[in-house]
Protein backbone atom coordinates (compact mmCIF):
# COMPACT_ATOMS: atom_id res chain seq x y z
CA MET A 1 147.57 92.44 86.74
CA ARG A 2 148.92 95.83 85.67
CA TRP A 3 148.82 98.72 88.09
CA LYS A 4 146.48 100.66 85.77
CA THR A 5 144.03 97.85 85.63
CA THR A 6 144.08 97.43 89.31
CA LEU A 7 143.58 101.19 89.85
CA ILE A 8 140.63 101.27 87.45
CA LEU A 9 139.02 98.36 89.27
CA PHE A 10 139.60 99.81 92.71
CA ILE A 11 138.14 103.07 91.64
CA SER A 12 135.04 101.30 90.21
CA VAL A 13 134.51 99.39 93.37
CA ILE A 14 134.89 102.62 95.37
CA GLY A 15 132.39 104.38 93.17
CA LEU A 16 129.85 101.56 93.31
CA GLY A 17 130.06 101.12 97.04
CA ALA A 18 129.63 104.97 97.46
CA TYR A 19 126.40 104.98 95.25
CA ILE A 20 124.93 101.91 97.08
CA SER A 21 125.69 103.46 100.43
CA LEU A 22 124.31 106.93 99.59
CA HIS A 23 121.27 105.42 97.99
CA GLU A 24 120.56 103.22 101.10
CA ILE A 25 120.85 106.17 103.39
CA LYS A 26 118.25 108.23 101.54
CA GLN A 27 115.67 105.28 101.97
CA PRO A 28 113.00 105.88 104.68
CA LEU A 29 112.57 103.81 107.67
CA PRO A 30 110.06 100.77 107.60
CA GLN A 31 107.62 102.90 109.79
CA GLU A 32 107.91 105.76 107.34
CA LYS A 33 107.40 103.50 104.38
CA GLU A 34 104.13 102.13 106.12
CA GLN A 35 103.00 105.70 106.66
CA LEU A 36 103.80 106.99 103.18
CA ALA A 37 102.00 103.92 101.70
CA LYS A 38 98.73 104.97 103.36
CA GLN A 39 99.19 108.76 102.34
CA VAL A 40 97.42 109.87 99.28
CA LEU A 41 98.26 113.53 99.16
CA SER A 42 101.09 115.34 100.71
CA ILE A 43 99.05 118.21 102.24
CA ALA A 44 99.22 119.08 105.91
CA PRO A 45 95.80 118.25 107.50
CA GLU A 46 95.90 121.69 109.28
CA SER A 47 95.78 123.55 105.90
CA VAL A 48 92.69 122.09 104.73
CA THR A 49 89.41 123.80 105.52
CA GLN A 50 87.05 122.63 102.81
CA ILE A 51 86.74 119.59 100.48
CA ALA A 52 84.17 119.64 97.62
CA LEU A 53 83.52 116.53 95.53
CA ASP A 54 81.63 116.96 92.29
CA LEU A 55 80.24 113.59 91.35
CA PRO A 56 77.74 112.72 88.63
CA GLN A 57 75.15 111.65 91.08
CA ALA A 58 75.71 114.36 93.69
CA LYS A 59 77.82 117.28 94.87
CA ILE A 60 79.34 116.97 98.31
CA THR A 61 81.05 119.62 100.26
CA LEU A 62 82.75 119.02 103.57
CA THR A 63 83.80 122.11 105.69
CA ARG A 64 86.01 122.01 108.87
CA ASN A 65 85.01 124.07 111.85
CA GLN A 66 87.77 125.94 113.65
CA GLY A 67 86.67 124.82 117.02
CA VAL A 68 86.80 121.06 116.18
């Protein structure tokens, strides 16, 4: 093989390896994946004071007490 072809293949392998390793580093741990799968909204529970559901059959309002 020519040195240019070898150099191009070497750079391609290094680039592919860097992409895969950086992609794998950003993946959450298995415990975090399980927790994220159960999470519906990304809102801190402490910041929610009231939830209102307006359904066709009924209107439901849930309010959090500060002491509880």
